[in-house]
């Protein structure tokens, strides 16, 4: 089904929407992907990679539509711009643009945000597993907290990273290669050809590369591409909603998106997305009132690290010391800053916070 749909879409964009309700097909496939559940690292095989390719194709459609809508309505967008268009690209762009008005006209944005926020959360959990398995597949265990997760967290310095690499018997080049994945993938896609359709095709082809179901790096690539695609869409959609003065997101969905974007913002692998994460946070936190509550997420990350270390058999006292020191330094900084003291007090549950933020 995927090959038939993708080749029909990319090869005959001008005809595919003539005989079917194309938006309904796109949203239907998204809903199908949403109900799929893959929880274990051992299950990140062909089904996971195939779902990633489906998601990549749909996100390319949605992101192209968002970009076209923003250009047409002079709304600033941080999404990529493809300057070279062929006639087939124009047909694809026209088809993609028809999706965006349908989202708003049919009041489908709530459903779309709900699905994509859930998929983003799922991709982040899979990304964590794939990252650990790629670096140290022989020692990976889902039952234990791995200190290697601290390697990609922006809150810890290079000295700590070097010591962790040494403890894990890893080469720094392994870590650098993971940090550079997105830029290398983009460079590969750019070399393959120009135009919208070429970029869309090669990006979903790269899901799971190298294509072998026992290669953890394949799942890692797929997760990274999916996470970027969702972030690009959320950033563009929220800019449209903000420009039209109609940002309204369900509380549970808002909280899930905020938690996800702050997790991504603390991940070195997604450094190129940090600006968009800040924009998403800014759009969703508008009207919450009070100080910058993003620091609560930083404290939450430290708290989760400590909880996992205490209950998942981590015996290295040095790692305990790193995280405790980082948490204390962060809290001390909040306590001493008058503009952020309320965040510190709220974290300690000694002060109320705005009802909107709750």
C-alpha atoms as a PDB file:
ATOM      1  CA  UNK A   1       0.000   0.000   0.000  1.00  0.00           C
ATOM      2  CA  UNK A   2       2.786   2.432   0.913  1.00  0.00           C
ATOM      3  CA  UNK A   3       4.676   2.063  -2.363  1.00  0.00           C
ATOM      4  CA  UNK A   4       1.501   2.364  -4.423  1.00  0.00           C
ATOM      5  CA  UNK A   5       0.302   5.436  -2.526  1.00  0.00           C
ATOM      6  CA  UNK A   6       3.691   7.182  -2.395  1.00  0.00           C
ATOM      7  CA  UNK A   7       4.477   6.643  -6.066  1.00  0.00           C
ATOM      8  CA  UNK A   8       0.972   7.708  -7.095  1.00  0.00           C
ATOM      9  CA  UNK A   9       1.254  10.793  -4.919  1.00  0.00           C
ATOM     10  CA  UNK A  10       4.701  11.847  -6.101  1.00  0.00           C
ATOM     11  CA  UNK A  11       4.198  10.822  -9.717  1.00  0.00           C
ATOM     12  CA  UNK A  12       0.617  11.972 -10.294  1.00  0.00           C
ATOM     13  CA  UNK A  13      -0.046  14.713  -7.726  1.00  0.00           C
ATOM     14  CA  UNK A  14      -2.353  16.549 -10.104  1.00  0.00           C
ATOM     15  CA  UNK A  15      -4.676  13.571 -10.541  1.00  0.00           C
ATOM     16  CA  UNK A  16      -4.700  11.808  -7.179  1.00  0.00           C
ATOM     17  CA  UNK A  17      -7.062  14.328  -5.585  1.00  0.00           C
ATOM     18  CA  UNK A  18      -9.573  14.251  -8.429  1.00  0.00           C
ATOM     19  CA  UNK A  19     -11.300  10.987  -7.566  1.00  0.00           C
ATOM     20  CA  UNK A  20     -10.903  10.690  -3.778  1.00  0.00           C
ATOM     21  CA  UNK A  21     -11.411  12.800  -0.667  1.00  0.00           C
ATOM     22  CA  UNK A  22      -7.686  13.363  -0.258  1.00  0.00           C
ATOM     23  CA  UNK A  23      -7.734  15.144   3.149  1.00  0.00           C
ATOM     24  CA  UNK A  24      -9.860  12.307   4.554  1.00  0.00           C
ATOM     25  CA  UNK A  25      -7.291   9.778   3.322  1.00  0.00           C
ATOM     26  CA  UNK A  26      -4.403  11.682   4.917  1.00  0.00           C
ATOM     27  CA  UNK A  27      -6.148  12.088   8.274  1.00  0.00           C
ATOM     28  CA  UNK A  28      -7.305   8.467   8.153  1.00  0.00           C
ATOM     29  CA  UNK A  29      -3.751   7.181   7.720  1.00  0.00           C
ATOM     30  CA  UNK A  30      -2.573   9.422  10.571  1.00  0.00           C
ATOM     31  CA  UNK A  31      -5.254   7.972  12.825  1.00  0.00           C
ATOM     32  CA  UNK A  32      -4.180   4.454  11.813  1.00  0.00           C
ATOM     33  CA  UNK A  33      -0.557   5.232  12.721  1.00  0.00           C
ATOM     34  CA  UNK A  34      -1.749   6.686  16.014  1.00  0.00           C
ATOM     35  CA  UNK A  35      -3.371   3.446  17.161  1.00  0.00           C
ATOM     36  CA  UNK A  36      -0.241   1.390  16.456  1.00  0.00           C
ATOM     37  CA  UNK A  37       1.701   0.562  19.633  1.00  0.00           C
ATOM     38  CA  UNK A  38       5.384  -0.376  19.749  1.00  0.00           C
ATOM     39  CA  UNK A  39       6.780  -0.381  23.254  1.00  0.00           C
ATOM     40  CA  UNK A  40       9.871  -2.611  23.263  1.00  0.00           C
ATOM     41  CA  UNK A  41      13.228  -1.929  21.614  1.00  0.00           C
ATOM     42  CA  UNK A  42      13.059  -5.400  20.115  1.00  0.00           C
ATOM     43  CA  UNK A  43       9.955  -4.333  18.206  1.00  0.00           C
ATOM     44  CA  UNK A  44      11.669  -1.401  16.482  1.00  0.00           C
ATOM     45  CA  UNK A  45      11.968  -3.457  13.316  1.00  0.00           C
ATOM     46  CA  UNK A  46      10.344  -3.376   9.901  1.00  0.00           C
ATOM     47  CA  UNK A  47       6.895  -2.332  11.151  1.00  0.00           C
ATOM     48  CA  UNK A  48       8.378   0.603  13.035  1.00  0.00           C
ATOM     49  CA  UNK A  49      10.445   1.709  10.036  1.00  0.00           C
ATOM     50  CA  UNK A  50       7.495   1.333   7.674  1.00  0.00           C
ATOM     51  CA  UNK A  51       5.318   3.441   9.965  1.00  0.00           C
ATOM     52  CA  UNK A  52       8.115   6.015  10.035  1.00  0.00           C
ATOM     53  CA  UNK A  53       8.107   6.190   6.241  1.00  0.00           C
ATOM     54  CA  UNK A  54       4.328   6.662   6.217  1.00  0.00           C
ATOM     55  CA  UNK A  55       4.590   9.406   8.824  1.00  0.00           C
ATOM     56  CA  UNK A  56       7.411  11.085   6.904  1.00  0.00           C
ATOM     57  CA  UNK A  57       5.349  11.188   3.714  1.00  0.00           C
ATOM     58  CA  UNK A  58       2.289  12.598   5.487  1.00  0.00           C
ATOM     59  CA  UNK A  59       4.338  15.179   7.383  1.00  0.00           C
ATOM     60  CA  UNK A  60       6.012  16.240   4.137  1.00  0.00           C
ATOM     61  CA  UNK A  61       2.556  16.859   2.692  1.00  0.00           C
ATOM     62  CA  UNK A  62       1.401  18.791   5.742  1.00  0.00           C
ATOM     63  CA  UNK A  63       4.616  20.808   6.036  1.00  0.00           C
ATOM     64  CA  UNK A  64       4.570  21.654   2.331  1.00  0.00           C
ATOM     65  CA  UNK A  65       0.962  22.773   2.739  1.00  0.00           C
ATOM     66  CA  UNK A  66       1.855  24.879   5.776  1.00  0.00           C
ATOM     67  CA  UNK A  67       4.740  26.490   3.880  1.00  0.00           C
ATOM     68  CA  UNK A  68       2.551  27.264   0.871  1.00  0.00           C
ATOM     69  CA  UNK A  69      -0.224  28.662   3.070  1.00  0.00           C
ATOM     70  CA  UNK A  70       2.242  30.913   4.926  1.00  0.00           C
ATOM     71  CA  UNK A  71       3.718  32.234   1.681  1.00  0.00           C
ATOM     72  CA  UNK A  72       0.288  32.837   0.172  1.00  0.00           C
ATOM     73  CA  UNK A  73      -0.970  34.649   3.266  1.00  0.00           C
ATOM     74  CA  UNK A  74       2.324  36.426   4.072  1.00  0.00           C
ATOM     75  CA  UNK A  75       2.699  34.621   7.392  1.00  0.00           C
ATOM     76  CA  UNK A  76       6.290  34.204   8.564  1.00  0.00           C
ATOM     77  CA  UNK A  77       7.257  30.551   8.748  1.00  0.00           C
ATOM     78  CA  UNK A  78      10.418  28.850   9.908  1.00  0.00           C
ATOM     79  CA  UNK A  79       9.820  25.865   7.655  1.00  0.00           C
ATOM     80  CA  UNK A  80      12.283  25.115   4.831  1.00  0.00           C
ATOM     81  CA  UNK A  81      11.930  26.978   1.551  1.00  0.00           C
ATOM     82  CA  UNK A  82      12.404  25.112  -1.728  1.00  0.00           C
ATOM     83  CA  UNK A  83      13.346  27.726  -4.330  1.00  0.00           C
ATOM     84  CA  UNK A  84      13.418  25.412  -7.351  1.00  0.00           C
ATOM     85  CA  UNK A  85      10.025  24.212  -8.605  1.00  0.00           C
ATOM     86  CA  UNK A  86       9.251  21.902 -11.477  1.00  0.00           C
ATOM     87  CA  UNK A  87       5.761  21.496 -12.936  1.00  0.00           C
ATOM     88  CA  UNK A  88       5.313  18.349 -10.861  1.00  0.00           C
ATOM     89  CA  UNK A  89       6.407  20.260  -7.767  1.00  0.00           C
ATOM     90  CA  UNK A  90       3.682  22.829  -8.430  1.00  0.00           C
ATOM     91  CA  UNK A  91       1.054  20.074  -8.615  1.00  0.00           C
ATOM     92  CA  UNK A  92       2.319  18.575  -5.359  1.00  0.00           C
ATOM     93  CA  UNK A  93       2.309  22.002  -3.700  1.00  0.00           C
ATOM     94  CA  UNK A  94      -1.272  22.648  -4.839  1.00  0.00           C
ATOM     95  CA  UNK A  95      -2.376  19.272  -3.466  1.00  0.00           C
ATOM     96  CA  UNK A  96      -0.576  19.862  -0.164  1.00  0.00           C
ATOM     97  CA  UNK A  97      -2.036  23.349   0.238  1.00  0.00           C
ATOM     98  CA  UNK A  98      -5.574  21.971   0.045  1.00  0.00           C
ATOM     99  CA  UNK A  99      -4.960  20.157   3.334  1.00  0.00           C
ATOM    100  CA  UNK A 100      -4.390  23.263   5.469  1.00  0.00           C
ATOM    101  CA  UNK A 101      -7.759  25.000   4.864  1.00  0.00           C
ATOM    102  CA  UNK A 102      -9.471  21.638   5.376  1.00  0.00           C
ATOM    103  CA  UNK A 103      -7.874  21.365   8.804  1.00  0.00           C
ATOM    104  CA  UNK A 104      -9.375  24.687   9.874  1.00  0.00           C
ATOM    105  CA  UNK A 105     -12.651  24.522   7.928  1.00  0.00           C
ATOM    106  CA  UNK A 106     -13.557  21.137   9.369  1.00  0.00           C
ATOM    107  CA  UNK A 107     -12.300  21.993  12.861  1.00  0.00           C
ATOM    108  CA  UNK A 108      -9.875  19.105  12.567  1.00  0.00           C
ATOM    109  CA  UNK A 109      -6.944  20.919  14.152  1.00  0.00           C
ATOM    110  CA  UNK A 110      -7.816  19.592  17.627  1.00  0.00           C
ATOM    111  CA  UNK A 111      -7.737  16.019  16.345  1.00  0.00           C
ATOM    112  CA  UNK A 112      -4.532  16.649  14.412  1.00  0.00           C
ATOM    113  CA  UNK A 113      -2.761  18.217  17.391  1.00  0.00           C
ATOM    114  CA  UNK A 114      -3.918  15.372  19.630  1.00  0.00           C
ATOM    115  CA  UNK A 115      -2.566  12.725  17.248  1.00  0.00           C
ATOM    116  CA  UNK A 116       0.737  14.453  16.542  1.00  0.00           C
ATOM    117  CA  UNK A 117       1.402  15.275  20.197  1.00  0.00           C
ATOM    118  CA  UNK A 118       0.895  11.595  21.020  1.00  0.00           C
ATOM    119  CA  UNK A 119       3.084  10.458  18.115  1.00  0.00           C
ATOM    120  CA  UNK A 120       5.778  12.924  19.176  1.00  0.00           C
ATOM    121  CA  UNK A 121       5.773  11.531  22.706  1.00  0.00           C
ATOM    122  CA  UNK A 122       5.990   7.991  21.330  1.00  0.00           C
ATOM    123  CA  UNK A 123       8.843   8.929  18.978  1.00  0.00           C
ATOM    124  CA  UNK A 124      10.783  10.478  21.858  1.00  0.00           C
ATOM    125  CA  UNK A 125      10.481   7.298  23.925  1.00  0.00           C
ATOM    126  CA  UNK A 126      11.563   5.181  20.960  1.00  0.00           C
ATOM    127  CA  UNK A 127      14.384   7.655  20.258  1.00  0.00           C
ATOM    128  CA  UNK A 128      15.732   7.161  23.769  1.00  0.00           C
ATOM    129  CA  UNK A 129      15.758   3.380  23.355  1.00  0.00           C
ATOM    130  CA  UNK A 130      17.273   3.525  19.877  1.00  0.00           C
ATOM    131  CA  UNK A 131      19.976   5.966  21.029  1.00  0.00           C
ATOM    132  CA  UNK A 132      21.074   3.699  23.868  1.00  0.00           C
ATOM    133  CA  UNK A 133      20.913   0.570  21.749  1.00  0.00           C
ATOM    134  CA  UNK A 134      22.913   2.220  18.952  1.00  0.00           C
ATOM    135  CA  UNK A 135      25.713   3.288  21.290  1.00  0.00           C
ATOM    136  CA  UNK A 136      25.873   0.148  23.368  1.00  0.00           C
ATOM    137  CA  UNK A 137      23.511  -2.497  22.005  1.00  0.00           C
ATOM    138  CA  UNK A 138      25.197  -5.392  23.816  1.00  0.00           C
ATOM    139  CA  UNK A 139      24.600  -3.813  27.234  1.00  0.00           C
ATOM    140  CA  UNK A 140      21.231  -2.142  26.640  1.00  0.00           C
ATOM    141  CA  UNK A 141      18.518  -3.071  29.140  1.00  0.00           C
ATOM    142  CA  UNK A 142      15.122  -1.436  29.312  1.00  0.00           C
ATOM    143  CA  UNK A 143      14.920  -2.343  33.006  1.00  0.00           C
ATOM    144  CA  UNK A 144      17.836  -0.140  34.016  1.00  0.00           C
ATOM    145  CA  UNK A 145      18.539   3.563  33.765  1.00  0.00           C
ATOM    146  CA  UNK A 146      21.493   4.181  31.479  1.00  0.00           C
ATOM    147  CA  UNK A 147      23.852   7.038  32.395  1.00  0.00           C
ATOM    148  CA  UNK A 148      24.547   7.328  28.659  1.00  0.00           C
ATOM    149  CA  UNK A 149      21.341   9.378  28.411  1.00  0.00           C
ATOM    150  CA  UNK A 150      23.218  12.184  30.139  1.00  0.00           C
ATOM    151  CA  UNK A 151      25.567  12.365  27.142  1.00  0.00           C
ATOM    152  CA  UNK A 152      22.992  14.117  24.991  1.00  0.00           C
ATOM    153  CA  UNK A 153      21.504  16.350  27.682  1.00  0.00           C
ATOM    154  CA  UNK A 154      22.457  20.019  27.306  1.00  0.00           C
ATOM    155  CA  UNK A 155      22.588  20.502  31.075  1.00  0.00           C
ATOM    156  CA  UNK A 156      25.824  18.572  31.543  1.00  0.00           C
ATOM    157  CA  UNK A 157      29.277  19.784  30.545  1.00  0.00           C
ATOM    158  CA  UNK A 158      31.950  18.193  28.368  1.00  0.00           C
ATOM    159  CA  UNK A 159      34.072  17.011  31.312  1.00  0.00           C
ATOM    160  CA  UNK A 160      31.197  14.906  32.557  1.00  0.00           C
ATOM    161  CA  UNK A 161      30.546  13.614  29.044  1.00  0.00           C
ATOM    162  CA  UNK A 162      34.181  12.581  28.606  1.00  0.00           C
ATOM    163  CA  UNK A 163      34.085  10.650  31.869  1.00  0.00           C
ATOM    164  CA  UNK A 164      30.839   8.935  30.885  1.00  0.00           C
ATOM    165  CA  UNK A 165      32.313   7.957  27.521  1.00  0.00           C
ATOM    166  CA  UNK A 166      35.324   6.475  29.270  1.00  0.00           C
ATOM    167  CA  UNK A 167      33.162   4.557  31.751  1.00  0.00           C
ATOM    168  CA  UNK A 168      31.052   3.220  28.880  1.00  0.00           C
ATOM    169  CA  UNK A 169      34.054   2.253  26.790  1.00  0.00           C
ATOM    170  CA  UNK A 170      32.873   4.475  23.942  1.00  0.00           C
ATOM    171  CA  UNK A 171      34.744   6.507  21.358  1.00  0.00           C
ATOM    172  CA  UNK A 172      33.875  10.244  21.248  1.00  0.00           C
ATOM    173  CA  UNK A 173      33.527   9.878  17.478  1.00  0.00           C
ATOM    174  CA  UNK A 174      30.506   7.638  18.048  1.00  0.00           C
ATOM    175  CA  UNK A 175      28.738  10.420  19.896  1.00  0.00           C
ATOM    176  CA  UNK A 176      29.728  13.113  17.406  1.00  0.00           C
ATOM    177  CA  UNK A 177      28.361  11.006  14.563  1.00  0.00           C
ATOM    178  CA  UNK A 178      24.972  10.929  16.299  1.00  0.00           C
ATOM    179  CA  UNK A 179      25.028  14.696  16.889  1.00  0.00           C
ATOM    180  CA  UNK A 180      25.735  15.229  13.179  1.00  0.00           C
ATOM    181  CA  UNK A 181      23.033  12.878  11.888  1.00  0.00           C
ATOM    182  CA  UNK A 182      20.502  15.534  10.900  1.00  0.00           C
ATOM    183  CA  UNK A 183      22.984  17.713   9.040  1.00  0.00           C
ATOM    184  CA  UNK A 184      24.450  14.692   7.256  1.00  0.00           C
ATOM    185  CA  UNK A 185      21.002  13.450   6.247  1.00  0.00           C
ATOM    186  CA  UNK A 186      20.117  16.896   4.913  1.00  0.00           C
ATOM    187  CA  UNK A 187      23.360  17.015   2.968  1.00  0.00           C
ATOM    188  CA  UNK A 188      22.630  13.619   1.441  1.00  0.00           C
ATOM    189  CA  UNK A 189      19.108  14.641   0.425  1.00  0.00           C
ATOM    190  CA  UNK A 190      20.370  17.888  -1.125  1.00  0.00           C
ATOM    191  CA  UNK A 191      22.891  15.980  -3.236  1.00  0.00           C
ATOM    192  CA  UNK A 192      20.235  13.599  -4.553  1.00  0.00           C
ATOM    193  CA  UNK A 193      18.335  16.293  -6.417  1.00  0.00           C
ATOM    194  CA  UNK A 194      16.493  19.587  -6.219  1.00  0.00           C
ATOM    195  CA  UNK A 195      12.820  20.402  -5.973  1.00  0.00           C
ATOM    196  CA  UNK A 196      10.085  19.504  -3.513  1.00  0.00           C
ATOM    197  CA  UNK A 197       9.245  16.009  -4.753  1.00  0.00           C
ATOM    198  CA  UNK A 198      12.887  14.911  -4.806  1.00  0.00           C
ATOM    199  CA  UNK A 199      13.405  16.012  -1.201  1.00  0.00           C
ATOM    200  CA  UNK A 200      10.153  14.391  -0.048  1.00  0.00           C
ATOM    201  CA  UNK A 201      11.056  11.112  -1.768  1.00  0.00           C
ATOM    202  CA  UNK A 202      14.591  10.839  -0.427  1.00  0.00           C
ATOM    203  CA  UNK A 203      13.613  11.800   3.103  1.00  0.00           C
ATOM    204  CA  UNK A 204      11.096   8.984   3.502  1.00  0.00           C
ATOM    205  CA  UNK A 205      13.474   6.572   1.739  1.00  0.00           C
ATOM    206  CA  UNK A 206      16.097   7.343   4.400  1.00  0.00           C
ATOM    207  CA  UNK A 207      13.830   6.138   7.218  1.00  0.00           C
ATOM    208  CA  UNK A 208      15.606   3.189   8.786  1.00  0.00           C
ATOM    209  CA  UNK A 209      18.810   3.575   6.776  1.00  0.00           C
ATOM    210  CA  UNK A 210      20.721   1.274   6.768  1.00  0.00           C
ATOM    211  CA  UNK A 211      17.706  -0.938   6.106  1.00  0.00           C
ATOM    212  CA  UNK A 212      18.234  -3.894   8.377  1.00  0.00           C
ATOM    213  CA  UNK A 213      15.774  -4.760  11.121  1.00  0.00           C
ATOM    214  CA  UNK A 214      18.535  -5.657  13.610  1.00  0.00           C
ATOM    215  CA  UNK A 215      20.430  -2.392  13.126  1.00  0.00           C
ATOM    216  CA  UNK A 216      19.462  -0.015  15.984  1.00  0.00           C
ATOM    217  CA  UNK A 217      20.839   2.978  14.078  1.00  0.00           C
ATOM    218  CA  UNK A 218      18.053   2.503  11.537  1.00  0.00           C
ATOM    219  CA  UNK A 219      15.420   3.094  14.210  1.00  0.00           C
ATOM    220  CA  UNK A 220      17.433   6.057  15.511  1.00  0.00           C
ATOM    221  CA  UNK A 221      17.443   7.740  12.085  1.00  0.00           C
ATOM    222  CA  UNK A 222      13.713   7.121  11.718  1.00  0.00           C
ATOM    223  CA  UNK A 223      12.962   8.624  15.147  1.00  0.00           C
ATOM    224  CA  UNK A 224      15.082  11.711  14.484  1.00  0.00           C
ATOM    225  CA  UNK A 225      13.417  12.394  11.127  1.00  0.00           C
ATOM    226  CA  UNK A 226       9.919  11.863  12.551  1.00  0.00           C
ATOM    227  CA  UNK A 227      10.570  14.157  15.506  1.00  0.00           C
ATOM    228  CA  UNK A 228      11.865  16.898  13.228  1.00  0.00           C
ATOM    229  CA  UNK A 229       8.881  16.554  10.897  1.00  0.00           C
ATOM    230  CA  UNK A 230       6.391  16.874  13.756  1.00  0.00           C
ATOM    231  CA  UNK A 231       8.217  19.870  15.256  1.00  0.00           C
ATOM    232  CA  UNK A 232       8.270  21.608  11.861  1.00  0.00           C
ATOM    233  CA  UNK A 233       4.528  21.071  11.495  1.00  0.00           C
ATOM    234  CA  UNK A 234       3.647  22.215  15.020  1.00  0.00           C
ATOM    235  CA  UNK A 235       5.788  25.323  14.593  1.00  0.00           C
ATOM    236  CA  UNK A 236       4.129  26.233  11.292  1.00  0.00           C
ATOM    237  CA  UNK A 237       0.584  25.439  12.401  1.00  0.00           C
ATOM    238  CA  UNK A 238       0.873  27.440  15.612  1.00  0.00           C
ATOM    239  CA  UNK A 239       2.249  30.414  13.674  1.00  0.00           C
ATOM    240  CA  UNK A 240      -0.797  30.304  11.406  1.00  0.00           C
ATOM    241  CA  UNK A 241      -3.131  30.048  14.390  1.00  0.00           C
ATOM    242  CA  UNK A 242      -1.292  32.884  16.138  1.00  0.00           C
ATOM    243  CA  UNK A 243      -1.460  35.106  13.040  1.00  0.00           C
ATOM    244  CA  UNK A 244      -5.189  34.454  12.794  1.00  0.00           C
ATOM    245  CA  UNK A 245      -5.669  35.018  16.531  1.00  0.00           C
ATOM    246  CA  UNK A 246      -7.122  31.598  17.187  1.00  0.00           C
ATOM    247  CA  UNK A 247      -4.687  29.594  19.310  1.00  0.00           C
ATOM    248  CA  UNK A 248      -6.835  27.206  21.315  1.00  0.00           C
ATOM    249  CA  UNK A 249      -5.361  23.880  22.376  1.00  0.00           C
ATOM    250  CA  UNK A 250      -6.807  21.252  24.715  1.00  0.00           C
ATOM    251  CA  UNK A 251      -5.154  21.401  28.137  1.00  0.00           C
ATOM    252  CA  UNK A 252      -3.898  17.815  28.082  1.00  0.00           C
ATOM    253  CA  UNK A 253      -2.526  18.192  24.549  1.00  0.00           C
ATOM    254  CA  UNK A 254      -0.885  21.503  25.443  1.00  0.00           C
ATOM    255  CA  UNK A 255       0.864  19.927  28.427  1.00  0.00           C
ATOM    256  CA  UNK A 256       2.064  16.966  26.377  1.00  0.00           C
ATOM    257  CA  UNK A 257       3.448  19.195  23.617  1.00  0.00           C
ATOM    258  CA  UNK A 258       5.168  21.511  26.104  1.00  0.00           C
ATOM    259  CA  UNK A 259       6.767  18.551  27.857  1.00  0.00           C
ATOM    260  CA  UNK A 260       7.967  17.108  24.539  1.00  0.00           C
ATOM    261  CA  UNK A 261       9.402  20.344  23.145  1.00  0.00           C
ATOM    262  CA  UNK A 262      11.268  21.041  26.384  1.00  0.00           C
ATOM    263  CA  UNK A 263      12.701  17.515  26.242  1.00  0.00           C
ATOM    264  CA  UNK A 264      13.852  18.136  22.663  1.00  0.00           C
ATOM    265  CA  UNK A 265      15.256  21.533  23.643  1.00  0.00           C
ATOM    266  CA  UNK A 266      17.508  19.806  26.188  1.00  0.00           C
ATOM    267  CA  UNK A 267      18.732  17.224  23.646  1.00  0.00           C
ATOM    268  CA  UNK A 268      22.002  17.985  21.831  1.00  0.00           C
ATOM    269  CA  UNK A 269      20.981  15.822  18.878  1.00  0.00           C
ATOM    270  CA  UNK A 270      18.197  18.286  18.045  1.00  0.00           C
ATOM    271  CA  UNK A 271      20.209  21.480  18.424  1.00  0.00           C
ATOM    272  CA  UNK A 272      18.982  22.701  15.026  1.00  0.00           C
ATOM    273  CA  UNK A 273      15.390  22.479  16.327  1.00  0.00           C
ATOM    274  CA  UNK A 274      15.919  24.348  19.596  1.00  0.00           C
ATOM    275  CA  UNK A 275      14.784  27.662  18.101  1.00  0.00           C
ATOM    276  CA  UNK A 276      11.531  26.133  16.872  1.00  0.00           C
ATOM    277  CA  UNK A 277      10.980  24.495  20.256  1.00  0.00           C
ATOM    278  CA  UNK A 278      11.296  27.928  21.867  1.00  0.00           C
ATOM    279  CA  UNK A 279       8.782  29.340  19.375  1.00  0.00           C
ATOM    280  CA  UNK A 280       6.314  26.520  20.084  1.00  0.00           C
ATOM    281  CA  UNK A 281       6.717  27.000  23.828  1.00  0.00           C
ATOM    282  CA  UNK A 282       6.191  30.744  23.446  1.00  0.00           C
ATOM    283  CA  UNK A 283       3.011  30.275  21.386  1.00  0.00           C
ATOM    284  CA  UNK A 284       1.514  27.691  23.736  1.00  0.00           C
ATOM    285  CA  UNK A 285       2.465  29.508  26.946  1.00  0.00           C
ATOM    286  CA  UNK A 286       1.015  32.856  25.852  1.00  0.00           C
ATOM    287  CA  UNK A 287      -1.616  33.869  28.371  1.00  0.00           C
ATOM    288  CA  UNK A 288      -0.390  31.554  31.127  1.00  0.00           C
ATOM    289  CA  UNK A 289       0.626  34.556  33.185  1.00  0.00           C
ATOM    290  CA  UNK A 290       3.455  34.945  35.656  1.00  0.00           C
ATOM    291  CA  UNK A 291       7.145  34.113  35.164  1.00  0.00           C
ATOM    292  CA  UNK A 292       8.889  31.799  32.708  1.00  0.00           C
ATOM    293  CA  UNK A 293       7.759  28.341  33.784  1.00  0.00           C
ATOM    294  CA  UNK A 294      10.130  26.595  31.373  1.00  0.00           C
ATOM    295  CA  UNK A 295      12.506  26.176  34.316  1.00  0.00           C
ATOM    296  CA  UNK A 296      10.003  23.790  35.863  1.00  0.00           C
ATOM    297  CA  UNK A 297      10.718  21.384  33.023  1.00  0.00           C
ATOM    298  CA  UNK A 298      14.449  21.615  33.714  1.00  0.00           C
ATOM    299  CA  UNK A 299      13.797  20.707  37.341  1.00  0.00           C
ATOM    300  CA  UNK A 300      11.456  17.946  36.251  1.00  0.00           C
ATOM    301  CA  UNK A 301      14.212  16.426  34.101  1.00  0.00           C
ATOM    302  CA  UNK A 302      16.636  16.464  37.031  1.00  0.00           C
ATOM    303  CA  UNK A 303      13.983  14.919  39.276  1.00  0.00           C
ATOM    304  CA  UNK A 304      13.289  12.152  36.750  1.00  0.00           C
ATOM    305  CA  UNK A 305      16.991  11.381  36.412  1.00  0.00           C
ATOM    306  CA  UNK A 306      17.323  11.061  40.193  1.00  0.00           C
ATOM    307  CA  UNK A 307      14.183   8.935  40.468  1.00  0.00           C
ATOM    308  CA  UNK A 308      15.379   6.562  37.753  1.00  0.00           C
ATOM    309  CA  UNK A 309      18.834   6.292  39.265  1.00  0.00           C
ATOM    310  CA  UNK A 310      17.398   5.463  42.687  1.00  0.00           C
ATOM    311  CA  UNK A 311      14.959   2.813  41.510  1.00  0.00           C
ATOM    312  CA  UNK A 312      16.699   1.284  38.483  1.00  0.00           C
ATOM    313  CA  UNK A 313      19.961  -0.127  39.828  1.00  0.00           C
ATOM    314  CA  UNK A 314      22.510   2.610  39.185  1.00  0.00           C
ATOM    315  CA  UNK A 315      25.327   2.170  41.696  1.00  0.00           C
ATOM    316  CA  UNK A 316      27.844   4.723  40.403  1.00  0.00           C
ATOM    317  CA  UNK A 317      28.062   7.374  43.130  1.00  0.00           C
ATOM    318  CA  UNK A 318      29.749   9.800  40.751  1.00  0.00           C
ATOM    319  CA  UNK A 319      26.616   9.938  38.587  1.00  0.00           C
ATOM    320  CA  UNK A 320      24.472  10.622  41.660  1.00  0.00           C
ATOM    321  CA  UNK A 321      26.807  13.467  42.547  1.00  0.00           C
ATOM    322  CA  UNK A 322      26.608  15.029  39.065  1.00  0.00           C
ATOM    323  CA  UNK A 323      22.832  15.112  38.969  1.00  0.00           C
ATOM    324  CA  UNK A 324      22.372  16.229  42.577  1.00  0.00           C
ATOM    325  CA  UNK A 325      24.902  19.027  42.033  1.00  0.00           C
ATOM    326  CA  UNK A 326      23.183  20.117  38.830  1.00  0.00           C
ATOM    327  CA  UNK A 327      19.762  20.125  40.533  1.00  0.00           C
ATOM    328  CA  UNK A 328      21.063  22.126  43.501  1.00  0.00           C
ATOM    329  CA  UNK A 329      22.794  24.666  41.241  1.00  0.00           C
ATOM    330  CA  UNK A 330      19.626  25.116  39.176  1.00  0.00           C
ATOM    331  CA  UNK A 331      17.405  25.558  42.237  1.00  0.00           C
ATOM    332  CA  UNK A 332      19.886  27.954  43.810  1.00  0.00           C
ATOM    333  CA  UNK A 333      19.880  30.053  40.641  1.00  0.00           C
ATOM    334  CA  UNK A 334      16.080  30.199  40.669  1.00  0.00           C
ATOM    335  CA  UNK A 335      15.955  31.050  44.367  1.00  0.00           C
ATOM    336  CA  UNK A 336      18.366  33.976  43.990  1.00  0.00           C
ATOM    337  CA  UNK A 337      16.652  35.447  40.924  1.00  0.00           C
ATOM    338  CA  UNK A 338      13.639  37.564  42.027  1.00  0.00           C
ATOM    339  CA  UNK A 339      11.949  37.102  38.642  1.00  0.00           C
ATOM    340  CA  UNK A 340      12.127  33.313  38.955  1.00  0.00           C
ATOM    341  CA  UNK A 341      11.719  32.806  42.695  1.00  0.00           C
ATOM    342  CA  UNK A 342       8.032  31.986  42.225  1.00  0.00           C
ATOM    343  CA  UNK A 343       9.040  29.068  39.979  1.00  0.00           C
ATOM    344  CA  UNK A 344      11.380  27.774  42.672  1.00  0.00           C
ATOM    345  CA  UNK A 345       8.676  28.105  45.337  1.00  0.00           C
ATOM    346  CA  UNK A 346       6.122  26.385  43.147  1.00  0.00           C
ATOM    347  CA  UNK A 347       8.511  23.488  42.508  1.00  0.00           C
ATOM    348  CA  UNK A 348       8.770  23.095  46.285  1.00  0.00           C
ATOM    349  CA  UNK A 349       4.952  23.377  46.483  1.00  0.00           C
ATOM    350  CA  UNK A 350       5.062  26.404  48.761  1.00  0.00           C
ATOM    351  CA  UNK A 351       3.430  28.849  46.364  1.00  0.00           C
ATOM    352  CA  UNK A 352       0.467  28.810  44.005  1.00  0.00           C
ATOM    353  CA  UNK A 353       0.766  29.113  40.261  1.00  0.00           C
ATOM    354  CA  UNK A 354      -1.609  30.493  37.659  1.00  0.00           C
ATOM    355  CA  UNK A 355      -4.681  28.356  36.962  1.00  0.00           C
ATOM    356  CA  UNK A 356      -3.889  28.470  33.229  1.00  0.00           C
ATOM    357  CA  UNK A 357      -0.518  26.821  33.785  1.00  0.00           C
ATOM    358  CA  UNK A 358      -2.067  24.091  35.919  1.00  0.00           C
END
